Amino acid sequence: MTRIGIMGGTFDPIHYGHLVTAEAVRTNYNLDYVIFVPTGKPPHKKEYEVTDSSHRYLMTVLATVTNPFFEVSRIEIDREGVSYTIDTIKQFKQIFGNKASLFFISGADAILEIITWKQVDALLDLCYFVAATRPGYELSELNKKIEYIKKVYKRNIYSLEVPAMAISSTDIRKRVKEGRSIKYLLPESVEHYIIKNGLYK
């Protein structure tokens, strides 16, 4: 049975927090590889205008190209309409069939809202969830949610603390806008791409 991680996110921009998280989950849960899936059109309204998907896809490719266990999928970008996780997981299930176990990797904050996601019952049946937390993260709410999901949906959600989770895309966008350095927060290739294309000004 192949074990595949699905790392969803807007990746606006992708940074070392995302990469360290994916690698930590891959090694901790013995995944064969991780597929990064940049969101097409997010279902929840963002407080900022999300950067064009072509830029976010290319930055994700640049950031992951040196890791042989990382791949990038255009599955959500190429699908019309709002991007729902259930549609993405169903599509991957069609591609890989029953010979693969899927592990959806997400931040703990997103997991706290999981019961509001479209067709959450079916979603929990189709894949495992891994909630990534940063050091010092208050775990009581997450643990309550995990217990609730165990009780109501009879499914478990795994959690894993990841040190580099303190880096955020919001902070990187703010730094670029203010003319501050973003060095060592994300791969150099992504930094150069942002500068060359004048993103986040």
Foldseek 3Di string as FASTA:
>chain_A
DAEEEEEEDQCLPPWVLSVQQLVVCCVVVVHQAYEYEHAAAAPDDDPDDRPHSVLNQVNVCVQCVVPPRYHYDPVRNPDDDHDAVVVVLVVVCVVCPPPYAYEYEDALVVLLVLVVGPPSLVVLVRHAYEHEYEPPDDCPSSVVSQVVCCVPNVGGHHYDYGHLNVQDSVVVLVCVLVVHDPPPGHDPVSVVSCVVVVPSD
